Amino acid sequence: METEMIYEIRRPKNMIPGKKYPALFVMHGIGSNEKNMLSLVNSLEDYFFIFSVRGHLTQGPGFAYFTIQGYGKPHREVFDTGIKKLAKFIDYASTNYEIDLEKLYLLGFSQGAIVSMTLALTHGKIKGVVALSGYIPQFVKEEYTIDPGNQLSVFISHGEYDQVLPYEWGEENVDYFTKLEVPVTFKSYPEGHTVSEKNLQDFQTWILNDLRR
């Protein structure tokens, strides 16, 4: 089984032969790339296989997982394709690396948060998702087959002064997962469309705590 996705991998240190490890799939924002996200997760390398996945579309100086037709409105067909490619990559990694299938995590910023939440809602086997400044497209809520599984929990954060994706969209994410009875931790910060040091510390603490449950 091969994959068409380009990715950076970090393996757990001092791996024990035959042991399976948690996996963390990391998705970047629009116009960025897989290398830029690694600084957010380098302190987690002792615990996870980390796969930082490049978007398959060229976007400016970087890459993207989908294109948009308007404010908060992805091109549906392009978005569908991106989600399918990422889901196939998760299956690829799960088959080709020593991964504990009960401990699959997703982390994304902005566009990466959008695809991470969508995958968490539809894959059915995700244990945790960290969504930094994103939203859930309306057509995902209305037309996708929603299957968050029975073990999913979510960390959502949003900047109170986000000039790219409104703060209220972060609150809507919380409401949506809560209605699905998915446990949600929500953190807000006096920031714009960025990841502050406090945000970084909070989600790293959350994901390590969730890993133990």
N, C-alpha and C. Protein backbone atom coordinates (compact mmCIF):
# COMPACT_ATOMS: atom_id res chain seq x y z
N MET A 1 0.84 -1.20 0.00
CA MET A 1 0.00 0.00 0.00
C MET A 1 0.88 1.24 0.00
N GLU A 2 0.65 2.12 -0.97
CA GLU A 2 1.43 3.35 -1.10
C GLU A 2 0.57 4.56 -0.78
N THR A 3 1.21 5.71 -0.65
CA THR A 3 0.48 6.95 -0.43
C THR A 3 1.01 8.02 -1.38
N GLU A 4 0.11 8.88 -1.84
CA GLU A 4 0.53 9.99 -2.69
C GLU A 4 0.84 11.24 -1.88
N MET A 5 0.55 11.21 -0.58
CA MET A 5 0.76 12.38 0.26
C MET A 5 2.22 12.49 0.67
N ILE A 6 2.70 13.72 0.72
CA ILE A 6 4.05 13.99 1.20
C ILE A 6 3.96 14.33 2.69
N TYR A 7 4.86 13.79 3.48
CA TYR A 7 4.76 13.99 4.92
C TYR A 7 6.13 13.91 5.59
N GLU A 8 6.19 14.54 6.75
CA GLU A 8 7.36 14.43 7.62
C GLU A 8 6.98 13.50 8.77
N ILE A 9 7.89 12.62 9.14
CA ILE A 9 7.60 11.69 10.23
C ILE A 9 8.61 11.85 11.35
N ARG A 10 8.11 11.76 12.57
CA ARG A 10 8.96 11.69 13.75
C ARG A 10 8.56 10.44 14.52
N ARG A 11 9.51 9.58 14.79
CA ARG A 11 9.24 8.34 15.50
C ARG A 11 9.51 8.50 16.99
N PRO A 12 8.79 7.74 17.82
CA PRO A 12 9.07 7.78 19.26
C PRO A 12 10.51 7.39 19.54
N LYS A 13 11.11 8.04 20.51
CA LYS A 13 12.48 7.72 20.86
C LYS A 13 12.52 6.40 21.64
N ASN A 14 13.61 5.69 21.48
CA ASN A 14 13.83 4.43 22.22
C ASN A 14 12.68 3.45 22.01
N MET A 15 12.31 3.27 20.74
CA MET A 15 11.22 2.35 20.42
C MET A 15 11.56 0.92 20.83
N ILE A 16 10.55 0.22 21.31
CA ILE A 16 10.70 -1.18 21.71
C ILE A 16 10.14 -2.05 20.59
N PRO A 17 10.93 -2.98 20.06
CA PRO A 17 10.44 -3.84 18.97
C PRO A 17 9.16 -4.57 19.35
N GLY A 18 8.19 -4.54 18.45
CA GLY A 18 6.93 -5.22 18.68
C GLY A 18 5.89 -4.40 19.40
N LYS A 19 6.29 -3.27 19.99
CA LYS A 19 5.33 -2.42 20.69
C LYS A 19 4.68 -1.45 19.72
N LYS A 20 3.39 -1.19 19.94
CA LYS A 20 2.67 -0.23 19.11
C LYS A 20 2.52 1.09 19.87
N TYR A 21 2.56 2.20 19.14
CA TYR A 21 2.59 3.53 19.75
C TYR A 21 1.43 4.39 19.23
N PRO A 22 1.01 5.37 20.05
CA PRO A 22 0.00 6.33 19.58
C PRO A 22 0.50 7.09 18.35
N ALA A 23 -0.44 7.58 17.56
CA ALA A 23 -0.10 8.36 16.36
C ALA A 23 -0.77 9.72 16.41
N LEU A 24 -0.04 10.73 15.98
CA LEU A 24 -0.55 12.09 15.90
C LEU A 24 -0.37 12.59 14.46
N PHE A 25 -1.49 12.88 13.81
CA PHE A 25 -1.48 13.38 12.44
C PHE A 25 -1.68 14.89 12.49
N VAL A 26 -0.75 15.62 11.88
CA VAL A 26 -0.70 17.08 12.01
C VAL A 26 -0.96 17.73 10.66
N MET A 27 -1.90 18.69 10.63
CA MET A 27 -2.28 19.36 9.39
C MET A 27 -2.07 20.88 9.51
N HIS A 28 -1.46 21.45 8.50
CA HIS A 28 -1.08 22.87 8.51
C HIS A 28 -2.19 23.79 8.00
N GLY A 29 -1.94 25.09 8.08
CA GLY A 29 -2.86 26.08 7.56
C GLY A 29 -2.62 26.34 6.08
N ILE A 30 -3.52 27.07 5.46
CA ILE A 30 -3.44 27.35 4.03
C ILE A 30 -2.18 28.16 3.71
N GLY A 31 -1.47 27.75 2.67
CA GLY A 31 -0.26 28.44 2.26
C GLY A 31 0.97 28.07 3.06
N SER A 32 0.81 27.15 4.01
CA SER A 32 1.94 26.71 4.83
C SER A 32 2.42 25.35 4.33
N ASN A 33 3.15 24.64 5.17
CA ASN A 33 3.63 23.32 4.76
C ASN A 33 3.84 22.43 5.98
N GLU A 34 4.18 21.18 5.71
CA GLU A 34 4.28 20.18 6.77
C GLU A 34 5.41 20.47 7.76
N LYS A 35 6.45 21.17 7.32
CA LYS A 35 7.59 21.43 8.21
C LYS A 35 7.25 22.50 9.25
N ASN A 36 6.39 23.45 8.90
CA ASN A 36 6.09 24.56 9.79
C ASN A 36 5.33 24.15 11.05
N MET A 37 4.68 22.99 11.00
CA MET A 37 3.87 22.56 12.15
C MET A 37 4.68 21.80 13.18
N LEU A 38 5.85 21.34 12.81
CA LEU A 38 6.59 20.45 13.70
C LEU A 38 7.02 21.12 15.00
N SER A 39 7.23 22.44 14.96
CA SER A 39 7.64 23.14 16.18
C SER A 39 6.54 23.11 17.25
N LEU A 40 5.30 22.90 16.83
CA LEU A 40 4.18 22.84 17.78
C LEU A 40 4.12 21.51 18.52
N VAL A 41 4.77 20.51 17.99
CA VAL A 41 4.60 19.16 18.54
C VAL A 41 5.93 18.49 18.92
N ASN A 42 7.03 19.24 18.87
CA ASN A 42 8.32 18.59 19.10
C ASN A 42 8.45 18.04 20.51
N SER A 43 7.71 18.57 21.48
CA SER A 43 7.79 18.03 22.84
C SER A 43 6.96 16.76 23.01
N LEU A 44 6.21 16.38 21.97
CA LEU A 44 5.38 15.17 22.03
C LEU A 44 6.06 13.98 21.36
N GLU A 45 7.26 14.19 20.86
CA GLU A 45 7.93 13.15 20.08
C GLU A 45 8.29 11.92 20.90
N ASP A 46 8.36 12.04 22.21
CA ASP A 46 8.65 10.88 23.05
C ASP A 46 7.49 9.91 23.12
N TYR A 47 6.29 10.39 22.79
CA TYR A 47 5.09 9.61 23.03
C TYR A 47 4.40 9.09 21.76
N PHE A 48 4.58 9.80 20.65
CA PHE A 48 3.79 9.53 19.45
C PHE A 48 4.66 9.25 18.22
N PHE A 49 4.12 8.47 17.31
CA PHE A 49 4.48 8.63 15.92
C PHE A 49 3.83 9.93 15.46
N ILE A 50 4.60 10.85 14.91
CA ILE A 50 4.04 12.12 14.44
C ILE A 50 4.16 12.17 12.92
N PHE A 51 3.02 12.37 12.27
CA PHE A 51 2.97 12.50 10.81
C PHE A 51 2.46 13.90 10.48
N SER A 52 3.35 14.74 9.98
CA SER A 52 2.94 16.09 9.55
C SER A 52 2.73 16.03 8.04
N VAL A 53 1.48 16.23 7.63
CA VAL A 53 1.06 15.91 6.27
C VAL A 53 0.90 17.17 5.42
N ARG A 54 1.55 17.19 4.28
CA ARG A 54 1.46 18.32 3.37
C ARG A 54 0.15 18.28 2.58
N GLY A 55 -0.50 19.44 2.44
CA GLY A 55 -1.66 19.52 1.57
C GLY A 55 -1.27 19.19 0.13
N HIS A 56 -2.19 18.57 -0.60
CA HIS A 56 -1.87 18.09 -1.95
C HIS A 56 -2.02 19.18 -3.02
N LEU A 57 -2.52 20.37 -2.62
CA LEU A 57 -2.72 21.46 -3.56
C LEU A 57 -1.66 22.55 -3.33
N THR A 58 -1.13 23.11 -4.41
CA THR A 58 -0.21 24.23 -4.29
C THR A 58 -1.00 25.50 -3.99
N GLN A 59 -0.54 26.26 -3.00
CA GLN A 59 -1.24 27.49 -2.60
C GLN A 59 -0.21 28.54 -2.23
N GLY A 60 0.02 29.52 -3.13
CA GLY A 60 1.01 30.55 -2.86
C GLY A 60 2.38 29.93 -2.67
N PRO A 61 3.07 30.32 -1.59
CA PRO A 61 4.39 29.76 -1.34
C PRO A 61 4.33 28.37 -0.70
N GLY A 62 3.12 27.92 -0.37
CA GLY A 62 2.98 26.66 0.34
C GLY A 62 1.93 25.76 -0.28
N PHE A 63 1.07 25.21 0.58
CA PHE A 63 0.14 24.18 0.14
C PHE A 63 -1.20 24.31 0.86
N ALA A 64 -2.19 23.54 0.37
CA ALA A 64 -3.52 23.56 0.97
C ALA A 64 -4.17 22.19 0.79
N TYR A 65 -5.19 21.95 1.61
CA TYR A 65 -5.97 20.71 1.50
C TYR A 65 -7.24 20.93 0.69
N PHE A 66 -7.65 22.21 0.56
CA PHE A 66 -8.84 22.54 -0.23
C PHE A 66 -8.80 24.02 -0.59
N THR A 67 -9.63 24.40 -1.51
CA THR A 67 -9.77 25.80 -1.91
C THR A 67 -11.11 26.32 -1.41
N ILE A 68 -11.27 27.64 -1.42
CA ILE A 68 -12.52 28.22 -0.92
C ILE A 68 -13.19 29.07 -2.00
N GLN A 69 -14.51 29.05 -1.98
CA GLN A 69 -15.29 29.85 -2.93
C GLN A 69 -15.80 31.14 -2.30
N GLY A 70 -15.72 31.22 -1.00
CA GLY A 70 -16.18 32.41 -0.28
C GLY A 70 -15.86 32.27 1.19
N TYR A 71 -16.23 33.26 1.96
CA TYR A 71 -15.89 33.32 3.37
C TYR A 71 -16.49 32.13 4.12
N GLY A 72 -15.63 31.24 4.58
CA GLY A 72 -16.10 30.08 5.32
C GLY A 72 -16.77 29.03 4.46
N LYS A 73 -16.56 29.09 3.14
CA LYS A 73 -17.23 28.15 2.24
C LYS A 73 -16.21 27.48 1.32
N PRO A 74 -15.78 26.27 1.69
CA PRO A 74 -14.87 25.53 0.80
C PRO A 74 -15.56 25.11 -0.48
N HIS A 75 -14.78 24.97 -1.56
CA HIS A 75 -15.30 24.31 -2.76
C HIS A 75 -15.60 22.86 -2.39
N ARG A 76 -16.85 22.47 -2.52
CA ARG A 76 -17.28 21.17 -2.01
C ARG A 76 -16.49 20.00 -2.61
N GLU A 77 -16.38 19.93 -3.91
CA GLU A 77 -15.72 18.77 -4.53
C GLU A 77 -14.24 18.71 -4.17
N VAL A 78 -13.61 19.87 -4.10
CA VAL A 78 -12.19 19.92 -3.74
C VAL A 78 -12.02 19.49 -2.28
N PHE A 79 -12.91 19.96 -1.45
CA PHE A 79 -12.88 19.60 -0.03
C PHE A 79 -13.07 18.10 0.15
N ASP A 80 -14.08 17.56 -0.53
CA ASP A 80 -14.34 16.11 -0.44
C ASP A 80 -13.10 15.31 -0.82
N THR A 81 -12.44 15.73 -1.88
CA THR A 81 -11.23 15.02 -2.34
C THR A 81 -10.13 15.09 -1.28
N GLY A 82 -9.94 16.27 -0.70
CA GLY A 82 -8.91 16.43 0.33
C GLY A 82 -9.16 15.55 1.54
N ILE A 83 -10.42 15.46 1.97
CA ILE A 83 -10.76 14.64 3.12
C ILE A 83 -10.52 13.16 2.80
N LYS A 84 -10.88 12.74 1.61
CA LYS A 84 -10.66 11.34 1.22
C LYS A 84 -9.17 11.01 1.19
N LYS A 85 -8.36 11.93 0.69
CA LYS A 85 -6.91 11.68 0.63
C LYS A 85 -6.32 11.59 2.03
N LEU A 86 -6.77 12.44 2.94
CA LEU A 86 -6.25 12.40 4.31
C LEU A 86 -6.72 11.14 5.03
N ALA A 87 -7.97 10.74 4.81
CA ALA A 87 -8.46 9.50 5.43
C ALA A 87 -7.67 8.30 4.93
N LYS A 88 -7.36 8.29 3.63
CA LYS A 88 -6.56 7.20 3.07
C LYS A 88 -5.15 7.21 3.65
N PHE A 89 -4.62 8.42 3.90
CA PHE A 89 -3.28 8.49 4.48
C PHE A 89 -3.27 7.93 5.90
N ILE A 90 -4.30 8.24 6.68
CA ILE A 90 -4.39 7.68 8.03
C ILE A 90 -4.41 6.15 7.96
N ASP A 91 -5.16 5.60 7.02
CA ASP A 91 -5.22 4.15 6.85
C ASP A 91 -3.85 3.61 6.40
N TYR A 92 -3.19 4.34 5.52
CA TYR A 92 -1.86 3.95 5.05
C TYR A 92 -0.88 3.88 6.22
N ALA A 93 -0.84 4.95 7.02
CA ALA A 93 0.10 5.00 8.14
C ALA A 93 -0.23 3.92 9.16
N SER A 94 -1.51 3.68 9.37
CA SER A 94 -1.93 2.67 10.35
C SER A 94 -1.49 1.27 9.93
N THR A 95 -1.36 1.06 8.63
CA THR A 95 -0.96 -0.24 8.10
C THR A 95 0.55 -0.41 8.06
N ASN A 96 1.26 0.67 7.84
CA ASN A 96 2.69 0.58 7.55
C ASN A 96 3.61 0.94 8.71
N TYR A 97 3.06 1.41 9.82
CA TYR A 97 3.86 1.74 10.98
C TYR A 97 3.29 1.06 12.23
N GLU A 98 4.12 0.98 13.28
CA GLU A 98 3.73 0.27 14.51
C GLU A 98 2.82 1.17 15.35
N ILE A 99 1.58 1.33 14.88
CA ILE A 99 0.65 2.27 15.47
C ILE A 99 -0.44 1.55 16.27
N ASP A 100 -0.75 2.11 17.44
CA ASP A 100 -1.86 1.63 18.25
C ASP A 100 -3.15 2.24 17.69
N LEU A 101 -3.98 1.42 17.08
CA LEU A 101 -5.17 1.91 16.40
C LEU A 101 -6.23 2.46 17.36
N GLU A 102 -6.04 2.21 18.66
CA GLU A 102 -6.95 2.77 19.66
C GLU A 102 -6.52 4.16 20.10
N LYS A 103 -5.38 4.63 19.57
CA LYS A 103 -4.83 5.92 20.03
C LYS A 103 -4.40 6.76 18.84
N LEU A 104 -5.38 7.10 18.00
CA LEU A 104 -5.15 7.96 16.84
C LEU A 104 -5.59 9.38 17.19
N TYR A 105 -4.68 10.34 16.98
CA TYR A 105 -4.97 11.74 17.28
C TYR A 105 -4.74 12.61 16.05
N LEU A 106 -5.49 13.71 16.00
CA LEU A 106 -5.37 14.69 14.92
C LEU A 106 -5.10 16.05 15.54
N LEU A 107 -4.28 16.85 14.85
CA LEU A 107 -4.03 18.22 15.30
C LEU A 107 -3.91 19.11 14.08
N GLY A 108 -4.61 20.24 14.09
CA GLY A 108 -4.53 21.14 12.95
C GLY A 108 -4.74 22.58 13.34
N PHE A 109 -4.15 23.46 12.55
CA PHE A 109 -4.33 24.90 12.72
C PHE A 109 -5.05 25.47 11.50
N SER A 110 -6.08 26.28 11.73
CA SER A 110 -6.81 26.96 10.67
C SER A 110 -7.38 25.94 9.67
N GLN A 111 -6.93 25.95 8.41
CA GLN A 111 -7.43 24.95 7.47
C GLN A 111 -7.16 23.54 7.98
N GLY A 112 -6.02 23.35 8.64
CA GLY A 112 -5.72 22.06 9.23
C GLY A 112 -6.70 21.67 10.33
N ALA A 113 -7.19 22.66 11.09
CA ALA A 113 -8.20 22.39 12.11
C ALA A 113 -9.53 22.00 11.47
N ILE A 114 -9.84 22.62 10.34
CA ILE A 114 -11.09 22.33 9.63
C ILE A 114 -11.11 20.87 9.16
N VAL A 115 -10.03 20.43 8.52
CA VAL A 115 -9.99 19.04 8.05
C VAL A 115 -9.86 18.08 9.22
N SER A 116 -9.18 18.47 10.30
CA SER A 116 -9.05 17.61 11.47
C SER A 116 -10.40 17.34 12.12
N MET A 117 -11.20 18.39 12.30
CA MET A 117 -12.52 18.20 12.90
C MET A 117 -13.42 17.37 11.99
N THR A 118 -13.32 17.61 10.68
CA THR A 118 -14.13 16.83 9.74
C THR A 118 -13.75 15.36 9.80
N LEU A 119 -12.46 15.06 9.81
CA LEU A 119 -12.02 13.67 9.91
C LEU A 119 -12.45 13.04 11.23
N ALA A 120 -12.35 13.79 12.31
CA ALA A 120 -12.76 13.26 13.61
C ALA A 120 -14.25 12.92 13.63
N LEU A 121 -15.04 13.71 12.91
CA LEU A 121 -16.49 13.51 12.87
C LEU A 121 -16.90 12.35 11.96
N THR A 122 -16.02 11.95 11.07
CA THR A 122 -16.43 10.99 10.05
C THR A 122 -15.62 9.70 10.03
N HIS A 123 -14.43 9.71 10.61
CA HIS A 123 -13.56 8.53 10.52
C HIS A 123 -14.02 7.41 11.45
N GLY A 124 -14.54 7.78 12.61
CA GLY A 124 -15.10 6.81 13.53
C GLY A 124 -14.10 6.15 14.45
N LYS A 125 -12.80 6.36 14.24
CA LYS A 125 -11.79 5.67 15.04
C LYS A 125 -10.76 6.62 15.65
N ILE A 126 -11.10 7.91 15.70
CA ILE A 126 -10.18 8.91 16.25
C ILE A 126 -10.41 9.04 17.74
N LYS A 127 -9.33 9.04 18.51
CA LYS A 127 -9.44 9.17 19.97
C LYS A 127 -9.48 10.62 20.42
N GLY A 128 -8.71 11.48 19.74
CA GLY A 128 -8.67 12.87 20.17
C GLY A 128 -8.31 13.80 19.03
N VAL A 129 -8.81 15.02 19.10
CA VAL A 129 -8.48 16.02 18.08
C VAL A 129 -8.20 17.35 18.76
N VAL A 130 -7.15 18.01 18.29
CA VAL A 130 -6.81 19.36 18.73
C VAL A 130 -7.07 20.29 17.55
N ALA A 131 -8.07 21.16 17.68
CA ALA A 131 -8.48 22.05 16.61
C ALA A 131 -8.17 23.50 17.00
N LEU A 132 -7.17 24.07 16.37
CA LEU A 132 -6.71 25.41 16.68
C LEU A 132 -7.24 26.38 15.63
N SER A 133 -8.23 27.18 16.00
CA SER A 133 -8.75 28.25 15.13
C SER A 133 -9.31 27.73 13.81
N GLY A 134 -10.36 26.94 13.89
CA GLY A 134 -10.99 26.42 12.68
C GLY A 134 -12.50 26.49 12.75
N TYR A 135 -13.17 25.82 11.80
CA TYR A 135 -14.63 25.73 11.80
C TYR A 135 -15.02 24.43 11.11
N ILE A 136 -16.28 24.06 11.28
CA ILE A 136 -16.82 22.88 10.61
C ILE A 136 -17.73 23.36 9.48
N PRO A 137 -17.41 23.06 8.23
CA PRO A 137 -18.26 23.52 7.12
C PRO A 137 -19.70 23.06 7.29
N GLN A 138 -20.63 23.89 6.87
CA GLN A 138 -22.04 23.58 7.04
C GLN A 138 -22.42 22.31 6.30
N PHE A 139 -21.85 22.10 5.11
CA PHE A 139 -22.23 20.90 4.36
C PHE A 139 -21.73 19.63 5.02
N VAL A 140 -20.66 19.74 5.83
CA VAL A 140 -20.22 18.58 6.59
C VAL A 140 -21.29 18.21 7.62
N LYS A 141 -21.79 19.20 8.31
CA LYS A 141 -22.82 18.96 9.33
C LYS A 141 -24.10 18.40 8.71
N GLU A 142 -24.45 18.89 7.53
CA GLU A 142 -25.75 18.56 6.95
C GLU A 142 -25.72 17.34 6.02
N GLU A 143 -24.57 17.07 5.38
CA GLU A 143 -24.57 16.07 4.32
C GLU A 143 -23.58 14.93 4.51
N TYR A 144 -22.57 15.12 5.32
CA TYR A 144 -21.63 14.03 5.59
C TYR A 144 -22.26 13.01 6.54
N THR A 145 -21.79 11.79 6.48
CA THR A 145 -22.19 10.78 7.46
C THR A 145 -21.37 10.99 8.73
N ILE A 146 -22.03 11.42 9.78
CA ILE A 146 -21.35 11.76 11.03
C ILE A 146 -21.20 10.51 11.89
N ASP A 147 -19.96 10.17 12.18
CA ASP A 147 -19.64 8.99 12.99
C ASP A 147 -18.39 9.28 13.81
N PRO A 148 -18.55 9.97 14.95
CA PRO A 148 -17.39 10.30 15.77
C PRO A 148 -16.87 9.12 16.60
N GLY A 149 -17.55 7.98 16.53
CA GLY A 149 -17.13 6.86 17.36
C GLY A 149 -17.52 7.07 18.81
N ASN A 150 -17.05 6.19 19.67
CA ASN A 150 -17.44 6.28 21.08
C ASN A 150 -16.29 6.63 22.01
N GLN A 151 -15.15 7.03 21.46
CA GLN A 151 -14.01 7.36 22.32
C GLN A 151 -13.47 8.76 22.07
N LEU A 152 -14.06 9.50 21.15
CA LEU A 152 -13.52 10.81 20.76
C LEU A 152 -13.66 11.84 21.87
N SER A 153 -12.62 12.64 22.05
CA SER A 153 -12.67 13.86 22.84
C SER A 153 -11.93 14.95 22.09
N VAL A 154 -12.26 16.20 22.40
CA VAL A 154 -11.83 17.31 21.55
C VAL A 154 -11.28 18.47 22.39
N PHE A 155 -10.18 19.03 21.90
CA PHE A 155 -9.65 20.29 22.42
C PHE A 155 -9.81 21.34 21.33
N ILE A 156 -10.54 22.40 21.63
CA ILE A 156 -10.76 23.48 20.67
C ILE A 156 -10.24 24.78 21.27
N SER A 157 -9.50 25.54 20.48
CA SER A 157 -9.06 26.86 20.94
C SER A 157 -9.30 27.88 19.84
N HIS A 158 -9.45 29.13 20.27
CA HIS A 158 -9.69 30.20 19.30
C HIS A 158 -9.25 31.53 19.90
N GLY A 159 -8.67 32.37 19.05
CA GLY A 159 -8.29 33.71 19.49
C GLY A 159 -9.48 34.64 19.57
N GLU A 160 -9.58 35.38 20.64
CA GLU A 160 -10.71 36.30 20.83
C GLU A 160 -10.72 37.43 19.81
N TYR A 161 -9.55 37.70 19.22
CA TYR A 161 -9.45 38.78 18.25
C TYR A 161 -9.05 38.25 16.87
N ASP A 162 -9.47 37.03 16.59
CA ASP A 162 -9.13 36.39 15.31
C ASP A 162 -9.73 37.21 14.17
N GLN A 163 -8.86 37.72 13.30
CA GLN A 163 -9.30 38.55 12.18
C GLN A 163 -9.53 37.74 10.92
N VAL A 164 -9.26 36.43 10.96
CA VAL A 164 -9.42 35.57 9.78
C VAL A 164 -10.67 34.72 9.90
N LEU A 165 -10.81 34.02 11.01
CA LEU A 165 -11.98 33.19 11.30
C LEU A 165 -12.58 33.67 12.62
N PRO A 166 -13.81 34.16 12.61
CA PRO A 166 -14.38 34.80 13.80
C PRO A 166 -14.38 33.91 15.04
N TYR A 167 -14.21 34.53 16.18
CA TYR A 167 -14.22 33.83 17.45
C TYR A 167 -15.50 33.02 17.65
N GLU A 168 -16.61 33.56 17.17
CA GLU A 168 -17.90 32.89 17.34
C GLU A 168 -17.91 31.52 16.66
N TRP A 169 -17.11 31.36 15.62
CA TRP A 169 -17.05 30.06 14.95
C TRP A 169 -16.44 29.01 15.87
N GLY A 170 -15.51 29.41 16.71
CA GLY A 170 -14.96 28.49 17.69
C GLY A 170 -16.02 28.04 18.68
N GLU A 171 -16.86 28.98 19.11
CA GLU A 171 -17.95 28.64 20.02
C GLU A 171 -18.95 27.70 19.35
N GLU A 172 -19.19 27.91 18.06
CA GLU A 172 -20.11 27.03 17.33
C GLU A 172 -19.56 25.61 17.24
N ASN A 173 -18.25 25.48 17.11
CA ASN A 173 -17.64 24.15 17.11
C ASN A 173 -17.93 23.43 18.43
N VAL A 174 -17.78 24.15 19.52
CA VAL A 174 -18.03 23.57 20.85
C VAL A 174 -19.48 23.11 20.95
N ASP A 175 -20.41 23.96 20.52
CA ASP A 175 -21.83 23.61 20.59
C ASP A 175 -22.13 22.36 19.78
N TYR A 176 -21.52 22.26 18.61
CA TYR A 176 -21.81 21.13 17.74
C TYR A 176 -21.33 19.82 18.36
N PHE A 177 -20.09 19.79 18.83
CA PHE A 177 -19.57 18.57 19.44
C PHE A 177 -20.33 18.23 20.72
N THR A 178 -20.70 19.25 21.48
CA THR A 178 -21.45 19.02 22.72
C THR A 178 -22.79 18.35 22.43
N LYS A 179 -23.47 18.79 21.38
CA LYS A 179 -24.75 18.17 21.01
C LYS A 179 -24.58 16.71 20.61
N LEU A 180 -23.39 16.37 20.11
CA LEU A 180 -23.10 14.98 19.78
C LEU A 180 -22.63 14.19 20.99
N GLU A 181 -22.60 14.84 22.15
CA GLU A 181 -22.17 14.24 23.41
C GLU A 181 -20.69 13.83 23.38
N VAL A 182 -19.91 14.60 22.63
CA VAL A 182 -18.47 14.42 22.60
C VAL A 182 -17.85 15.36 23.64
N PRO A 183 -17.02 14.86 24.54
CA PRO A 183 -16.38 15.73 25.54
C PRO A 183 -15.51 16.79 24.87
N VAL A 184 -15.69 18.04 25.29
CA VAL A 184 -14.97 19.15 24.68
C VAL A 184 -14.28 19.99 25.74
N THR A 185 -13.02 20.32 25.49
CA THR A 185 -12.30 21.33 26.26
C THR A 185 -12.13 22.54 25.35
N PHE A 186 -12.60 23.71 25.81
CA PHE A 186 -12.52 24.92 24.99
C PHE A 186 -11.68 25.96 25.71
N LYS A 187 -10.71 26.50 24.98
CA LYS A 187 -9.84 27.55 25.52
C LYS A 187 -9.84 28.74 24.56
N SER A 188 -9.95 29.93 25.11
CA SER A 188 -9.83 31.15 24.31
C SER A 188 -8.66 31.97 24.82
N TYR A 189 -8.12 32.77 23.91
CA TYR A 189 -6.91 33.54 24.23
C TYR A 189 -7.05 34.95 23.64
N PRO A 190 -6.46 35.95 24.31
CA PRO A 190 -6.52 37.32 23.80
C PRO A 190 -5.54 37.51 22.65
N GLU A 191 -5.78 36.77 21.57
CA GLU A 191 -4.87 36.73 20.43
C GLU A 191 -5.67 36.86 19.13
N GLY A 192 -4.93 36.97 18.02
CA GLY A 192 -5.54 36.94 16.70
C GLY A 192 -5.52 35.52 16.16
N HIS A 193 -5.25 35.40 14.86
CA HIS A 193 -5.24 34.09 14.19
C HIS A 193 -3.84 33.51 14.30
N THR A 194 -3.57 32.97 15.48
CA THR A 194 -2.22 32.47 15.76
C THR A 194 -2.28 31.47 16.89
N VAL A 195 -1.15 30.87 17.22
CA VAL A 195 -1.06 29.94 18.34
C VAL A 195 -0.09 30.53 19.36
N SER A 196 -0.62 30.97 20.48
CA SER A 196 0.22 31.58 21.50
C SER A 196 0.97 30.51 22.29
N GLU A 197 1.94 30.95 23.06
CA GLU A 197 2.69 30.02 23.89
C GLU A 197 1.79 29.35 24.93
N LYS A 198 0.85 30.10 25.48
CA LYS A 198 -0.10 29.52 26.45
C LYS A 198 -0.99 28.48 25.78
N ASN A 199 -1.44 28.78 24.58
CA ASN A 199 -2.24 27.82 23.81
C ASN A 199 -1.45 26.54 23.57
N LEU A 200 -0.20 26.70 23.19
CA LEU A 200 0.69 25.57 22.96
C LEU A 200 0.79 24.70 24.22
N GLN A 201 1.04 25.33 25.35
CA GLN A 201 1.17 24.59 26.61
C GLN A 201 -0.13 23.88 26.97
N ASP A 202 -1.24 24.56 26.75
CA ASP A 202 -2.54 23.99 27.12
C ASP A 202 -2.89 22.76 26.28
N PHE A 203 -2.69 22.84 24.98
CA PHE A 203 -3.09 21.67 24.18
C PHE A 203 -2.12 20.51 24.37
N GLN A 204 -0.85 20.80 24.64
CA GLN A 204 0.09 19.71 24.90
C GLN A 204 -0.26 19.01 26.22
N THR A 205 -0.61 19.77 27.22
CA THR A 205 -1.06 19.18 28.49
C THR A 205 -2.31 18.34 28.29
N TRP A 206 -3.26 18.88 27.52
CA TRP A 206 -4.52 18.18 27.27
C TRP A 206 -4.27 16.85 26.56
N ILE A 207 -3.48 16.86 25.52
CA ILE A 207 -3.30 15.64 24.72
C ILE A 207 -2.58 14.56 25.52
N LEU A 208 -1.64 14.94 26.36
CA LEU A 208 -0.94 13.95 27.19
C LEU A 208 -1.86 13.39 28.27
N ASN A 209 -2.72 14.24 28.82
CA ASN A 209 -3.70 13.75 29.79
C ASN A 209 -4.71 12.83 29.13
N ASP A 210 -5.14 13.20 27.93
CA ASP A 210 -6.12 12.37 27.23
C ASP A 210 -5.53 11.02 26.84
N LEU A 211 -4.27 11.02 26.54
CA LEU A 211 -3.59 9.78 26.15
C LEU A 211 -3.65 8.75 27.29
N ARG A 212 -3.72 9.23 28.51
CA ARG A 212 -3.70 8.34 29.68
C ARG A 212 -5.08 7.80 30.04
N ARG A 213 -6.12 8.37 29.46
CA ARG A 213 -7.46 7.93 29.87
C ARG A 213 -7.86 6.63 29.15
